[in-house]
């Protein structure tokens, strides 16, 4: 008589997550798997399916990581956001039109069997770096290793001179086809050695963050860069406004927006990841686009700060997204330069389904 095991037992047997087992069941990738009530049961003799998309990773058990530090990164919310992705097989495309450092994107990329991926951001230097990693990783790694070998042996004065020379070069070097790799290398170097990994520009669009105090920063994480390059081969990378994703999104797409968070206090008003300010009018423009994609039939999710952390009567997002599901999630806030002012606050996850 045929015996069955639960999805949890199959996950332990195959050394993958229970969520991944559920996805494989929905995709009819596990022979004989059946839904009983609200749970999957799987023949005990079933073999682990070969993941057509992630086989290049599974053999080495590779985990992809963001290649830069990024303010507002969603490392602490990844698991909550992924719960919003339907598991019924209806989602075949993934779009993240404000990708930033890509904490969620790089967690999803090796896990899900999506046919197509789309990422974009308005930060020209960031998206150039994504493109260089995808298309010219060998030259990028070579330049970063050279910078790492030059910078790390220096004393503090030498490092300061090297850092500010690199910053000046980054700000004055025009981005063209023949400078793209050098710009990407400078971008990563500055990110790894600047204060708090912060990306900030002045009104002229020039990077102006001072040097950090890291003793032994990893400037070239060669293994991760090469793994990321492999992962990006099936990804459409666009530099520009998030609304450009309109042509990619359809009813089979999961879309996640991670905009610059609305400040929860006057002293936390950091909204300039580039020279353009993301104010309340921009938040409203994004909400209108959220609704536009929702009407297409896409599953759309968005995160933002919760103004009720400071003012219980501030209903800005509750009113703006009153037609959608609003979830309040407790998450660490690490951006404050003073450790004693860092701590858990509520953040908002908004979803249309």
C-alpha atoms as a PDB file:
ATOM      1  CA  UNK A   1       0.000   0.000   0.000  1.00  0.00           C
ATOM      2  CA  UNK A   2       1.309   3.431  -0.965  1.00  0.00           C
ATOM      3  CA  UNK A   3       2.284   5.553   2.027  1.00  0.00           C
ATOM      4  CA  UNK A   4       2.430   9.330   2.204  1.00  0.00           C
ATOM      5  CA  UNK A   5       4.458  11.957   4.037  1.00  0.00           C
ATOM      6  CA  UNK A   6       3.677  15.584   4.787  1.00  0.00           C
ATOM      7  CA  UNK A   7       5.241  18.575   3.032  1.00  0.00           C
ATOM      8  CA  UNK A   8       7.204  19.268   6.208  1.00  0.00           C
ATOM      9  CA  UNK A   9       8.616  15.738   6.221  1.00  0.00           C
ATOM     10  CA  UNK A  10       9.480  15.997   2.517  1.00  0.00           C
ATOM     11  CA  UNK A  11      11.255  19.303   3.165  1.00  0.00           C
ATOM     12  CA  UNK A  12      13.395  17.694   5.860  1.00  0.00           C
ATOM     13  CA  UNK A  13      14.076  14.681   3.642  1.00  0.00           C
ATOM     14  CA  UNK A  14      15.142  16.781   0.648  1.00  0.00           C
ATOM     15  CA  UNK A  15      16.857  19.547   2.643  1.00  0.00           C
ATOM     16  CA  UNK A  16      14.728  22.362   1.191  1.00  0.00           C
ATOM     17  CA  UNK A  17      12.130  24.647   2.752  1.00  0.00           C
ATOM     18  CA  UNK A  18       8.545  23.538   3.336  1.00  0.00           C
ATOM     19  CA  UNK A  19       7.447  26.531   1.281  1.00  0.00           C
ATOM     20  CA  UNK A  20       9.535  25.290  -1.634  1.00  0.00           C
ATOM     21  CA  UNK A  21       7.894  21.865  -1.371  1.00  0.00           C
ATOM     22  CA  UNK A  22       4.453  23.532  -1.532  1.00  0.00           C
ATOM     23  CA  UNK A  23       5.485  25.472  -4.624  1.00  0.00           C
ATOM     24  CA  UNK A  24       6.683  22.282  -6.328  1.00  0.00           C
ATOM     25  CA  UNK A  25       3.386  20.587  -5.480  1.00  0.00           C
ATOM     26  CA  UNK A  26       1.366  23.478  -6.941  1.00  0.00           C
ATOM     27  CA  UNK A  27       3.506  23.306 -10.080  1.00  0.00           C
ATOM     28  CA  UNK A  28       2.715  19.574 -10.351  1.00  0.00           C
ATOM     29  CA  UNK A  29       6.422  18.820 -10.171  1.00  0.00           C
ATOM     30  CA  UNK A  30       6.031  16.038  -7.567  1.00  0.00           C
ATOM     31  CA  UNK A  31       4.383  12.914  -8.958  1.00  0.00           C
ATOM     32  CA  UNK A  32       1.435  11.715  -6.895  1.00  0.00           C
ATOM     33  CA  UNK A  33       1.272  14.754  -4.581  1.00  0.00           C
ATOM     34  CA  UNK A  34      -2.284  15.512  -3.446  1.00  0.00           C
ATOM     35  CA  UNK A  35      -3.992  18.299  -1.548  1.00  0.00           C
ATOM     36  CA  UNK A  36      -5.953  16.936   1.426  1.00  0.00           C
ATOM     37  CA  UNK A  37      -7.881  19.634   3.229  1.00  0.00           C
ATOM     38  CA  UNK A  38      -5.433  22.523   3.340  1.00  0.00           C
ATOM     39  CA  UNK A  39      -2.215  20.508   3.276  1.00  0.00           C
ATOM     40  CA  UNK A  40      -0.168  18.600   0.735  1.00  0.00           C
ATOM     41  CA  UNK A  41       0.637  14.911   1.112  1.00  0.00           C
ATOM     42  CA  UNK A  42       3.400  13.326  -0.937  1.00  0.00           C
ATOM     43  CA  UNK A  43       4.183   9.690  -1.765  1.00  0.00           C
ATOM     44  CA  UNK A  44       6.994   8.538   0.517  1.00  0.00           C
ATOM     45  CA  UNK A  45       8.782   7.117  -2.535  1.00  0.00           C
ATOM     46  CA  UNK A  46       8.678  10.410  -4.483  1.00  0.00           C
ATOM     47  CA  UNK A  47      12.043  11.786  -5.560  1.00  0.00           C
ATOM     48  CA  UNK A  48      13.126  15.370  -5.163  1.00  0.00           C
ATOM     49  CA  UNK A  49      12.386  17.193  -8.448  1.00  0.00           C
ATOM     50  CA  UNK A  50      15.276  18.698 -10.374  1.00  0.00           C
ATOM     51  CA  UNK A  51      14.804  22.450 -10.232  1.00  0.00           C
ATOM     52  CA  UNK A  52      15.272  23.503 -13.859  1.00  0.00           C
ATOM     53  CA  UNK A  53      16.068  27.082 -12.941  1.00  0.00           C
ATOM     54  CA  UNK A  54      18.181  26.698  -9.841  1.00  0.00           C
ATOM     55  CA  UNK A  55      20.167  23.562 -10.670  1.00  0.00           C
ATOM     56  CA  UNK A  56      23.204  25.786 -11.167  1.00  0.00           C
ATOM     57  CA  UNK A  57      22.903  26.818  -7.509  1.00  0.00           C
ATOM     58  CA  UNK A  58      21.653  23.637  -5.810  1.00  0.00           C
ATOM     59  CA  UNK A  59      24.793  21.668  -6.610  1.00  0.00           C
ATOM     60  CA  UNK A  60      26.827  24.155  -4.575  1.00  0.00           C
ATOM     61  CA  UNK A  61      24.047  25.193  -2.168  1.00  0.00           C
ATOM     62  CA  UNK A  62      24.667  28.835  -3.095  1.00  0.00           C
ATOM     63  CA  UNK A  63      23.023  31.721  -1.299  1.00  0.00           C
ATOM     64  CA  UNK A  64      22.889  35.010  -3.184  1.00  0.00           C
ATOM     65  CA  UNK A  65      23.519  38.215  -1.232  1.00  0.00           C
ATOM     66  CA  UNK A  66      23.181  41.896  -2.101  1.00  0.00           C
ATOM     67  CA  UNK A  67      26.504  43.120  -3.466  1.00  0.00           C
ATOM     68  CA  UNK A  68      26.185  46.505  -1.726  1.00  0.00           C
ATOM     69  CA  UNK A  69      24.907  47.760   1.595  1.00  0.00           C
ATOM     70  CA  UNK A  70      21.763  49.815   1.100  1.00  0.00           C
ATOM     71  CA  UNK A  71      19.768  52.036   3.413  1.00  0.00           C
ATOM     72  CA  UNK A  72      16.289  50.610   3.822  1.00  0.00           C
ATOM     73  CA  UNK A  73      17.324  47.069   2.876  1.00  0.00           C
ATOM     74  CA  UNK A  74      14.600  44.539   3.578  1.00  0.00           C
ATOM     75  CA  UNK A  75      16.641  41.720   5.137  1.00  0.00           C
ATOM     76  CA  UNK A  76      14.406  41.767   8.213  1.00  0.00           C
ATOM     77  CA  UNK A  77      11.144  41.738   6.228  1.00  0.00           C
ATOM     78  CA  UNK A  78      11.978  39.203   3.534  1.00  0.00           C
ATOM     79  CA  UNK A  79      10.101  36.293   5.116  1.00  0.00           C
ATOM     80  CA  UNK A  80       6.993  38.426   5.696  1.00  0.00           C
ATOM     81  CA  UNK A  81       6.966  39.757   2.138  1.00  0.00           C
ATOM     82  CA  UNK A  82       7.411  36.284   0.648  1.00  0.00           C
ATOM     83  CA  UNK A  83       4.262  35.134   2.446  1.00  0.00           C
ATOM     84  CA  UNK A  84       2.341  37.426   0.084  1.00  0.00           C
ATOM     85  CA  UNK A  85       3.409  35.481  -3.032  1.00  0.00           C
ATOM     86  CA  UNK A  86       0.606  33.098  -4.111  1.00  0.00           C
ATOM     87  CA  UNK A  87       1.569  29.416  -4.224  1.00  0.00           C
ATOM     88  CA  UNK A  88      -1.138  28.277  -6.627  1.00  0.00           C
ATOM     89  CA  UNK A  89       1.090  28.411  -9.707  1.00  0.00           C
ATOM     90  CA  UNK A  90      -0.550  31.560 -11.086  1.00  0.00           C
ATOM     91  CA  UNK A  91       2.570  33.686 -10.647  1.00  0.00           C
ATOM     92  CA  UNK A  92       5.175  33.190 -13.370  1.00  0.00           C
ATOM     93  CA  UNK A  93       6.882  36.624 -13.391  1.00  0.00           C
ATOM     94  CA  UNK A  94       8.566  38.784 -10.761  1.00  0.00           C
ATOM     95  CA  UNK A  95       9.048  42.548 -10.883  1.00  0.00           C
ATOM     96  CA  UNK A  96      10.814  44.817  -8.408  1.00  0.00           C
ATOM     97  CA  UNK A  97      10.772  48.309  -9.934  1.00  0.00           C
ATOM     98  CA  UNK A  98      12.548  50.021  -7.000  1.00  0.00           C
ATOM     99  CA  UNK A  99      15.102  47.307  -6.353  1.00  0.00           C
ATOM    100  CA  UNK A 100      17.791  49.174  -4.411  1.00  0.00           C
ATOM    101  CA  UNK A 101      20.225  46.690  -2.907  1.00  0.00           C
ATOM    102  CA  UNK A 102      17.875  43.810  -3.741  1.00  0.00           C
ATOM    103  CA  UNK A 103      17.602  41.992  -0.386  1.00  0.00           C
ATOM    104  CA  UNK A 104      14.251  40.443  -1.346  1.00  0.00           C
ATOM    105  CA  UNK A 105      15.195  39.957  -4.987  1.00  0.00           C
ATOM    106  CA  UNK A 106      18.367  38.015  -4.194  1.00  0.00           C
ATOM    107  CA  UNK A 107      16.517  35.843  -1.677  1.00  0.00           C
ATOM    108  CA  UNK A 108      13.804  35.023  -4.215  1.00  0.00           C
ATOM    109  CA  UNK A 109      16.034  34.486  -7.251  1.00  0.00           C
ATOM    110  CA  UNK A 110      17.377  31.011  -6.291  1.00  0.00           C
ATOM    111  CA  UNK A 111      14.100  29.844  -4.701  1.00  0.00           C
ATOM    112  CA  UNK A 112      11.271  30.458  -7.139  1.00  0.00           C
ATOM    113  CA  UNK A 113      10.677  29.010 -10.566  1.00  0.00           C
ATOM    114  CA  UNK A 114       9.583  32.249 -12.242  1.00  0.00           C
ATOM    115  CA  UNK A 115       9.915  32.463 -16.018  1.00  0.00           C
ATOM    116  CA  UNK A 116      10.891  36.131 -16.159  1.00  0.00           C
ATOM    117  CA  UNK A 117      12.359  38.744 -13.813  1.00  0.00           C
ATOM    118  CA  UNK A 118      12.398  42.534 -14.022  1.00  0.00           C
ATOM    119  CA  UNK A 119      14.303  44.934 -11.785  1.00  0.00           C
ATOM    120  CA  UNK A 120      14.747  48.668 -12.074  1.00  0.00           C
ATOM    121  CA  UNK A 121      15.763  51.733 -10.098  1.00  0.00           C
ATOM    122  CA  UNK A 122      16.206  55.427 -10.836  1.00  0.00           C
ATOM    123  CA  UNK A 123      19.758  55.385  -9.430  1.00  0.00           C
ATOM    124  CA  UNK A 124      21.928  55.376 -12.541  1.00  0.00           C
ATOM    125  CA  UNK A 125      25.123  54.298 -10.786  1.00  0.00           C
ATOM    126  CA  UNK A 126      23.411  51.409  -9.027  1.00  0.00           C
ATOM    127  CA  UNK A 127      21.795  50.038 -12.161  1.00  0.00           C
ATOM    128  CA  UNK A 128      25.035  50.411 -14.105  1.00  0.00           C
ATOM    129  CA  UNK A 129      26.629  48.186 -11.467  1.00  0.00           C
ATOM    130  CA  UNK A 130      23.912  45.550 -11.886  1.00  0.00           C
ATOM    131  CA  UNK A 131      24.533  45.596 -15.647  1.00  0.00           C
ATOM    132  CA  UNK A 132      28.313  45.326 -15.272  1.00  0.00           C
ATOM    133  CA  UNK A 133      27.983  42.383 -12.868  1.00  0.00           C
ATOM    134  CA  UNK A 134      25.682  40.684 -15.362  1.00  0.00           C
ATOM    135  CA  UNK A 135      27.753  41.338 -18.474  1.00  0.00           C
ATOM    136  CA  UNK A 136      31.377  41.976 -17.442  1.00  0.00           C
ATOM    137  CA  UNK A 137      32.000  40.406 -14.057  1.00  0.00           C
ATOM    138  CA  UNK A 138      35.565  39.270 -14.842  1.00  0.00           C
ATOM    139  CA  UNK A 139      36.814  42.803 -15.482  1.00  0.00           C
ATOM    140  CA  UNK A 140      34.908  44.112 -12.458  1.00  0.00           C
ATOM    141  CA  UNK A 141      36.411  41.514 -10.128  1.00  0.00           C
ATOM    142  CA  UNK A 142      39.893  42.308 -11.455  1.00  0.00           C
ATOM    143  CA  UNK A 143      39.503  46.028 -10.706  1.00  0.00           C
ATOM    144  CA  UNK A 144      38.047  45.415  -7.232  1.00  0.00           C
ATOM    145  CA  UNK A 145      40.862  43.045  -6.288  1.00  0.00           C
ATOM    146  CA  UNK A 146      43.385  45.683  -7.371  1.00  0.00           C
ATOM    147  CA  UNK A 147      41.622  48.300  -5.217  1.00  0.00           C
ATOM    148  CA  UNK A 148      41.388  45.939  -2.250  1.00  0.00           C
ATOM    149  CA  UNK A 149      45.084  45.050  -2.423  1.00  0.00           C
ATOM    150  CA  UNK A 150      46.030  48.733  -2.608  1.00  0.00           C
ATOM    151  CA  UNK A 151      43.673  50.025   0.103  1.00  0.00           C
ATOM    152  CA  UNK A 152      43.823  47.452   2.903  1.00  0.00           C
ATOM    153  CA  UNK A 153      47.589  47.588   3.698  1.00  0.00           C
ATOM    154  CA  UNK A 154      47.515  51.384   4.068  1.00  0.00           C
ATOM    155  CA  UNK A 155      47.524  53.274   7.368  1.00  0.00           C
ATOM    156  CA  UNK A 156      44.606  55.575   8.156  1.00  0.00           C
ATOM    157  CA  UNK A 157      46.090  58.613   6.426  1.00  0.00           C
ATOM    158  CA  UNK A 158      46.854  56.587   3.328  1.00  0.00           C
ATOM    159  CA  UNK A 159      43.340  55.178   3.285  1.00  0.00           C
ATOM    160  CA  UNK A 160      41.832  58.655   3.582  1.00  0.00           C
ATOM    161  CA  UNK A 161      43.849  59.907   0.640  1.00  0.00           C
ATOM    162  CA  UNK A 162      42.931  56.844  -1.441  1.00  0.00           C
ATOM    163  CA  UNK A 163      39.229  57.061  -0.496  1.00  0.00           C
ATOM    164  CA  UNK A 164      38.797  60.744  -1.316  1.00  0.00           C
ATOM    165  CA  UNK A 165      40.723  60.356  -4.576  1.00  0.00           C
ATOM    166  CA  UNK A 166      38.373  57.506  -5.493  1.00  0.00           C
ATOM    167  CA  UNK A 167      35.351  59.608  -4.534  1.00  0.00           C
ATOM    168  CA  UNK A 168      36.570  62.492  -6.688  1.00  0.00           C
ATOM    169  CA  UNK A 169      37.189  60.129  -9.593  1.00  0.00           C
ATOM    170  CA  UNK A 170      33.708  58.621  -9.178  1.00  0.00           C
ATOM    171  CA  UNK A 171      32.059  62.063  -9.209  1.00  0.00           C
ATOM    172  CA  UNK A 172      33.931  63.370 -12.246  1.00  0.00           C
ATOM    173  CA  UNK A 173      34.039  60.257 -14.437  1.00  0.00           C
ATOM    174  CA  UNK A 174      31.277  60.374 -17.050  1.00  0.00           C
ATOM    175  CA  UNK A 175      29.341  57.139 -17.388  1.00  0.00           C
ATOM    176  CA  UNK A 176      29.867  55.759 -20.892  1.00  0.00           C
ATOM    177  CA  UNK A 177      30.300  52.308 -22.394  1.00  0.00           C
ATOM    178  CA  UNK A 178      34.066  52.385 -21.949  1.00  0.00           C
ATOM    179  CA  UNK A 179      33.880  53.678 -18.341  1.00  0.00           C
ATOM    180  CA  UNK A 180      30.992  51.532 -17.081  1.00  0.00           C
ATOM    181  CA  UNK A 181      33.179  48.905 -15.414  1.00  0.00           C
ATOM    182  CA  UNK A 182      35.401  51.443 -13.675  1.00  0.00           C
ATOM    183  CA  UNK A 183      32.334  53.342 -12.435  1.00  0.00           C
ATOM    184  CA  UNK A 184      30.870  50.104 -11.082  1.00  0.00           C
ATOM    185  CA  UNK A 185      34.124  49.231  -9.311  1.00  0.00           C
ATOM    186  CA  UNK A 186      34.298  52.702  -7.747  1.00  0.00           C
ATOM    187  CA  UNK A 187      30.634  52.443  -6.738  1.00  0.00           C
ATOM    188  CA  UNK A 188      31.227  49.161  -4.883  1.00  0.00           C
ATOM    189  CA  UNK A 189      34.507  50.363  -3.356  1.00  0.00           C
ATOM    190  CA  UNK A 190      32.914  53.531  -1.983  1.00  0.00           C
ATOM    191  CA  UNK A 191      29.913  51.601  -0.685  1.00  0.00           C
ATOM    192  CA  UNK A 192      32.138  49.156   1.193  1.00  0.00           C
ATOM    193  CA  UNK A 193      34.407  51.816   2.700  1.00  0.00           C
ATOM    194  CA  UNK A 194      32.160  54.840   3.281  1.00  0.00           C
ATOM    195  CA  UNK A 195      30.382  55.728   6.524  1.00  0.00           C
ATOM    196  CA  UNK A 196      27.613  53.188   7.303  1.00  0.00           C
ATOM    197  CA  UNK A 197      27.447  52.030   3.677  1.00  0.00           C
ATOM    198  CA  UNK A 198      25.308  55.092   2.994  1.00  0.00           C
ATOM    199  CA  UNK A 199      24.563  56.285  -0.531  1.00  0.00           C
ATOM    200  CA  UNK A 200      23.853  60.009  -0.432  1.00  0.00           C
ATOM    201  CA  UNK A 201      24.310  62.742  -3.008  1.00  0.00           C
ATOM    202  CA  UNK A 202      24.190  66.526  -2.908  1.00  0.00           C
ATOM    203  CA  UNK A 203      21.964  68.698  -5.084  1.00  0.00           C
ATOM    204  CA  UNK A 204      24.468  68.441  -7.916  1.00  0.00           C
ATOM    205  CA  UNK A 205      24.137  64.672  -7.809  1.00  0.00           C
ATOM    206  CA  UNK A 206      27.623  64.150  -6.399  1.00  0.00           C
ATOM    207  CA  UNK A 207      28.331  61.385  -3.882  1.00  0.00           C
ATOM    208  CA  UNK A 208      29.382  63.122  -0.649  1.00  0.00           C
ATOM    209  CA  UNK A 209      29.570  60.497   2.102  1.00  0.00           C
ATOM    210  CA  UNK A 210      32.772  60.576   4.203  1.00  0.00           C
ATOM    211  CA  UNK A 211      35.038  57.573   4.727  1.00  0.00           C
ATOM    212  CA  UNK A 212      34.011  55.000   7.310  1.00  0.00           C
ATOM    213  CA  UNK A 213      36.176  53.461  10.011  1.00  0.00           C
ATOM    214  CA  UNK A 214      36.190  49.807   8.930  1.00  0.00           C
ATOM    215  CA  UNK A 215      39.370  47.924   9.827  1.00  0.00           C
ATOM    216  CA  UNK A 216      39.174  45.191   7.211  1.00  0.00           C
ATOM    217  CA  UNK A 217      36.311  45.781   4.747  1.00  0.00           C
ATOM    218  CA  UNK A 218      35.591  43.156   2.099  1.00  0.00           C
ATOM    219  CA  UNK A 219      35.845  45.222  -1.034  1.00  0.00           C
ATOM    220  CA  UNK A 220      35.737  42.290  -3.442  1.00  0.00           C
ATOM    221  CA  UNK A 221      33.450  39.396  -2.536  1.00  0.00           C
ATOM    222  CA  UNK A 222      34.421  37.509  -5.667  1.00  0.00           C
ATOM    223  CA  UNK A 223      32.359  34.368  -5.060  1.00  0.00           C
ATOM    224  CA  UNK A 224      29.131  36.277  -4.481  1.00  0.00           C
ATOM    225  CA  UNK A 225      29.722  38.607  -7.436  1.00  0.00           C
ATOM    226  CA  UNK A 226      30.199  35.640  -9.766  1.00  0.00           C
ATOM    227  CA  UNK A 227      27.117  33.869  -8.389  1.00  0.00           C
ATOM    228  CA  UNK A 228      25.077  37.056  -8.772  1.00  0.00           C
ATOM    229  CA  UNK A 229      26.298  37.367 -12.363  1.00  0.00           C
ATOM    230  CA  UNK A 230      24.968  33.893 -13.139  1.00  0.00           C
ATOM    231  CA  UNK A 231      21.655  34.706 -11.461  1.00  0.00           C
ATOM    232  CA  UNK A 232      21.198  37.937 -13.426  1.00  0.00           C
ATOM    233  CA  UNK A 233      21.432  36.289 -16.842  1.00  0.00           C
ATOM    234  CA  UNK A 234      17.646  35.809 -16.997  1.00  0.00           C
ATOM    235  CA  UNK A 235      16.815  39.231 -15.548  1.00  0.00           C
ATOM    236  CA  UNK A 236      15.701  42.371 -17.372  1.00  0.00           C
ATOM    237  CA  UNK A 237      17.582  45.333 -15.833  1.00  0.00           C
ATOM    238  CA  UNK A 238      16.239  48.837 -16.416  1.00  0.00           C
ATOM    239  CA  UNK A 239      17.412  52.244 -15.219  1.00  0.00           C
ATOM    240  CA  UNK A 240      14.542  54.674 -14.848  1.00  0.00           C
ATOM    241  CA  UNK A 241      11.225  55.455 -13.224  1.00  0.00           C
ATOM    242  CA  UNK A 242       9.249  52.593 -11.724  1.00  0.00           C
ATOM    243  CA  UNK A 243       6.382  53.234 -14.145  1.00  0.00           C
ATOM    244  CA  UNK A 244       8.523  51.777 -16.945  1.00  0.00           C
ATOM    245  CA  UNK A 245       7.610  48.369 -15.526  1.00  0.00           C
ATOM    246  CA  UNK A 246       4.098  48.851 -16.915  1.00  0.00           C
ATOM    247  CA  UNK A 247       4.949  46.998 -20.138  1.00  0.00           C
ATOM    248  CA  UNK A 248       6.367  43.994 -18.228  1.00  0.00           C
ATOM    249  CA  UNK A 249       3.589  43.476 -15.693  1.00  0.00           C
ATOM    250  CA  UNK A 250       0.562  41.297 -16.391  1.00  0.00           C
ATOM    251  CA  UNK A 251      -1.913  39.263 -14.347  1.00  0.00           C
ATOM    252  CA  UNK A 252       0.726  36.584 -13.736  1.00  0.00           C
ATOM    253  CA  UNK A 253       3.226  38.952 -12.123  1.00  0.00           C
ATOM    254  CA  UNK A 254       4.164  39.514  -8.491  1.00  0.00           C
ATOM    255  CA  UNK A 255       5.285  43.129  -8.081  1.00  0.00           C
ATOM    256  CA  UNK A 256       7.055  44.504  -5.007  1.00  0.00           C
ATOM    257  CA  UNK A 257       7.722  48.196  -4.387  1.00  0.00           C
ATOM    258  CA  UNK A 258      10.256  49.395  -1.837  1.00  0.00           C
ATOM    259  CA  UNK A 259      10.171  53.203  -2.090  1.00  0.00           C
ATOM    260  CA  UNK A 260      12.170  55.599   0.070  1.00  0.00           C
ATOM    261  CA  UNK A 261      10.276  55.431   3.338  1.00  0.00           C
ATOM    262  CA  UNK A 262       8.143  58.343   4.447  1.00  0.00           C
ATOM    263  CA  UNK A 263      10.006  59.922   7.409  1.00  0.00           C
ATOM    264  CA  UNK A 264       8.457  59.097  10.783  1.00  0.00           C
ATOM    265  CA  UNK A 265      10.004  62.199  12.337  1.00  0.00           C
ATOM    266  CA  UNK A 266      11.360  65.523  11.119  1.00  0.00           C
ATOM    267  CA  UNK A 267      14.911  64.468  12.032  1.00  0.00           C
ATOM    268  CA  UNK A 268      14.563  61.219  10.048  1.00  0.00           C
ATOM    269  CA  UNK A 269      13.762  62.955   6.775  1.00  0.00           C
ATOM    270  CA  UNK A 270      16.239  61.007   4.633  1.00  0.00           C
ATOM    271  CA  UNK A 271      14.561  60.588   1.256  1.00  0.00           C
ATOM    272  CA  UNK A 272      17.374  61.412  -1.165  1.00  0.00           C
ATOM    273  CA  UNK A 273      19.026  58.253  -2.434  1.00  0.00           C
ATOM    274  CA  UNK A 274      19.581  60.359  -5.538  1.00  0.00           C
ATOM    275  CA  UNK A 275      19.183  64.065  -6.201  1.00  0.00           C
ATOM    276  CA  UNK A 276      15.382  63.860  -6.468  1.00  0.00           C
ATOM    277  CA  UNK A 277      13.264  63.999  -3.318  1.00  0.00           C
ATOM    278  CA  UNK A 278      10.593  61.357  -2.708  1.00  0.00           C
ATOM    279  CA  UNK A 279       7.989  63.443  -0.855  1.00  0.00           C
ATOM    280  CA  UNK A 280       4.288  62.899  -0.096  1.00  0.00           C
ATOM    281  CA  UNK A 281       3.297  63.799  -3.644  1.00  0.00           C
ATOM    282  CA  UNK A 282       5.621  61.052  -4.876  1.00  0.00           C
ATOM    283  CA  UNK A 283       4.066  58.621  -2.381  1.00  0.00           C
ATOM    284  CA  UNK A 284       0.652  59.483  -3.861  1.00  0.00           C
ATOM    285  CA  UNK A 285       1.935  59.004  -7.423  1.00  0.00           C
ATOM    286  CA  UNK A 286       3.242  55.576  -6.445  1.00  0.00           C
ATOM    287  CA  UNK A 287      -0.126  54.677  -4.863  1.00  0.00           C
ATOM    288  CA  UNK A 288      -1.876  55.557  -8.122  1.00  0.00           C
ATOM    289  CA  UNK A 289       0.487  53.262 -10.040  1.00  0.00           C
ATOM    290  CA  UNK A 290      -0.078  50.540  -7.431  1.00  0.00           C
ATOM    291  CA  UNK A 291      -3.790  50.764  -8.236  1.00  0.00           C
ATOM    292  CA  UNK A 292      -3.103  50.747 -11.982  1.00  0.00           C
ATOM    293  CA  UNK A 293      -1.175  47.467 -11.734  1.00  0.00           C
ATOM    294  CA  UNK A 294      -3.780  46.020  -9.399  1.00  0.00           C
ATOM    295  CA  UNK A 295      -6.459  46.607 -12.028  1.00  0.00           C
ATOM    296  CA  UNK A 296      -4.343  44.639 -14.521  1.00  0.00           C
ATOM    297  CA  UNK A 297      -4.672  41.672 -12.157  1.00  0.00           C
ATOM    298  CA  UNK A 298      -1.097  41.548 -10.874  1.00  0.00           C
ATOM    299  CA  UNK A 299      -0.368  40.725  -7.249  1.00  0.00           C
ATOM    300  CA  UNK A 300       1.122  43.966  -5.943  1.00  0.00           C
ATOM    301  CA  UNK A 301       2.873  44.517  -2.606  1.00  0.00           C
ATOM    302  CA  UNK A 302       4.558  47.546  -1.069  1.00  0.00           C
ATOM    303  CA  UNK A 303       6.347  48.377   2.173  1.00  0.00           C
ATOM    304  CA  UNK A 304       6.704  51.696   3.961  1.00  0.00           C
ATOM    305  CA  UNK A 305       7.115  53.260   7.374  1.00  0.00           C
ATOM    306  CA  UNK A 306       4.176  53.423   9.755  1.00  0.00           C
ATOM    307  CA  UNK A 307       3.513  57.056  10.758  1.00  0.00           C
ATOM    308  CA  UNK A 308       1.536  55.787  13.740  1.00  0.00           C
ATOM    309  CA  UNK A 309       4.850  55.002  15.417  1.00  0.00           C
ATOM    310  CA  UNK A 310       4.997  58.730  16.156  1.00  0.00           C
ATOM    311  CA  UNK A 311       1.428  59.959  15.770  1.00  0.00           C
ATOM    312  CA  UNK A 312      -1.476  57.584  16.311  1.00  0.00           C
ATOM    313  CA  UNK A 313      -3.729  59.971  14.399  1.00  0.00           C
ATOM    314  CA  UNK A 314      -1.575  60.055  11.273  1.00  0.00           C
ATOM    315  CA  UNK A 315      -3.626  58.095   8.729  1.00  0.00           C
ATOM    316  CA  UNK A 316      -1.613  59.016   5.638  1.00  0.00           C
ATOM    317  CA  UNK A 317      -1.076  55.450   4.414  1.00  0.00           C
ATOM    318  CA  UNK A 318      -4.277  54.062   5.919  1.00  0.00           C
ATOM    319  CA  UNK A 319      -6.200  56.567   3.795  1.00  0.00           C
ATOM    320  CA  UNK A 320      -3.962  56.271   0.732  1.00  0.00           C
ATOM    321  CA  UNK A 321      -4.310  52.474   0.619  1.00  0.00           C
ATOM    322  CA  UNK A 322      -7.746  52.144   2.206  1.00  0.00           C
ATOM    323  CA  UNK A 323      -8.895  49.728  -0.515  1.00  0.00           C
ATOM    324  CA  UNK A 324      -6.083  47.259   0.172  1.00  0.00           C
ATOM    325  CA  UNK A 325      -4.808  44.963   2.880  1.00  0.00           C
ATOM    326  CA  UNK A 326      -2.530  46.780   5.345  1.00  0.00           C
ATOM    327  CA  UNK A 327      -0.331  44.655   7.622  1.00  0.00           C
ATOM    328  CA  UNK A 328       1.741  46.134  10.441  1.00  0.00           C
ATOM    329  CA  UNK A 329       5.000  44.274  11.047  1.00  0.00           C
ATOM    330  CA  UNK A 330       7.529  44.898  13.813  1.00  0.00           C
ATOM    331  CA  UNK A 331      11.003  45.408  12.335  1.00  0.00           C
ATOM    332  CA  UNK A 332      14.361  46.740  13.578  1.00  0.00           C
ATOM    333  CA  UNK A 333      15.257  50.273  12.517  1.00  0.00           C
ATOM    334  CA  UNK A 334      19.042  50.453  12.057  1.00  0.00           C
ATOM    335  CA  UNK A 335      19.587  53.730  10.198  1.00  0.00           C
ATOM    336  CA  UNK A 336      20.077  55.944  13.276  1.00  0.00           C
ATOM    337  CA  UNK A 337      23.748  56.737  13.865  1.00  0.00           C
ATOM    338  CA  UNK A 338      23.204  56.452  17.639  1.00  0.00           C
ATOM    339  CA  UNK A 339      22.852  52.826  18.722  1.00  0.00           C
ATOM    340  CA  UNK A 340      20.604  53.674  21.679  1.00  0.00           C
ATOM    341  CA  UNK A 341      18.022  55.136  19.281  1.00  0.00           C
ATOM    342  CA  UNK A 342      17.828  51.999  17.160  1.00  0.00           C
ATOM    343  CA  UNK A 343      15.071  49.562  17.934  1.00  0.00           C
ATOM    344  CA  UNK A 344      11.901  47.860  16.762  1.00  0.00           C
ATOM    345  CA  UNK A 345       9.232  49.941  15.051  1.00  0.00           C
ATOM    346  CA  UNK A 346       6.205  49.016  13.025  1.00  0.00           C
ATOM    347  CA  UNK A 347       6.504  48.964   9.249  1.00  0.00           C
ATOM    348  CA  UNK A 348       3.677  48.605   6.774  1.00  0.00           C
ATOM    349  CA  UNK A 349       3.192  45.824   4.256  1.00  0.00           C
ATOM    350  CA  UNK A 350       0.440  46.661   1.806  1.00  0.00           C
ATOM    351  CA  UNK A 351      -0.976  44.117  -0.638  1.00  0.00           C
ATOM    352  CA  UNK A 352      -3.881  44.039  -3.045  1.00  0.00           C
ATOM    353  CA  UNK A 353      -4.683  40.339  -2.545  1.00  0.00           C
END
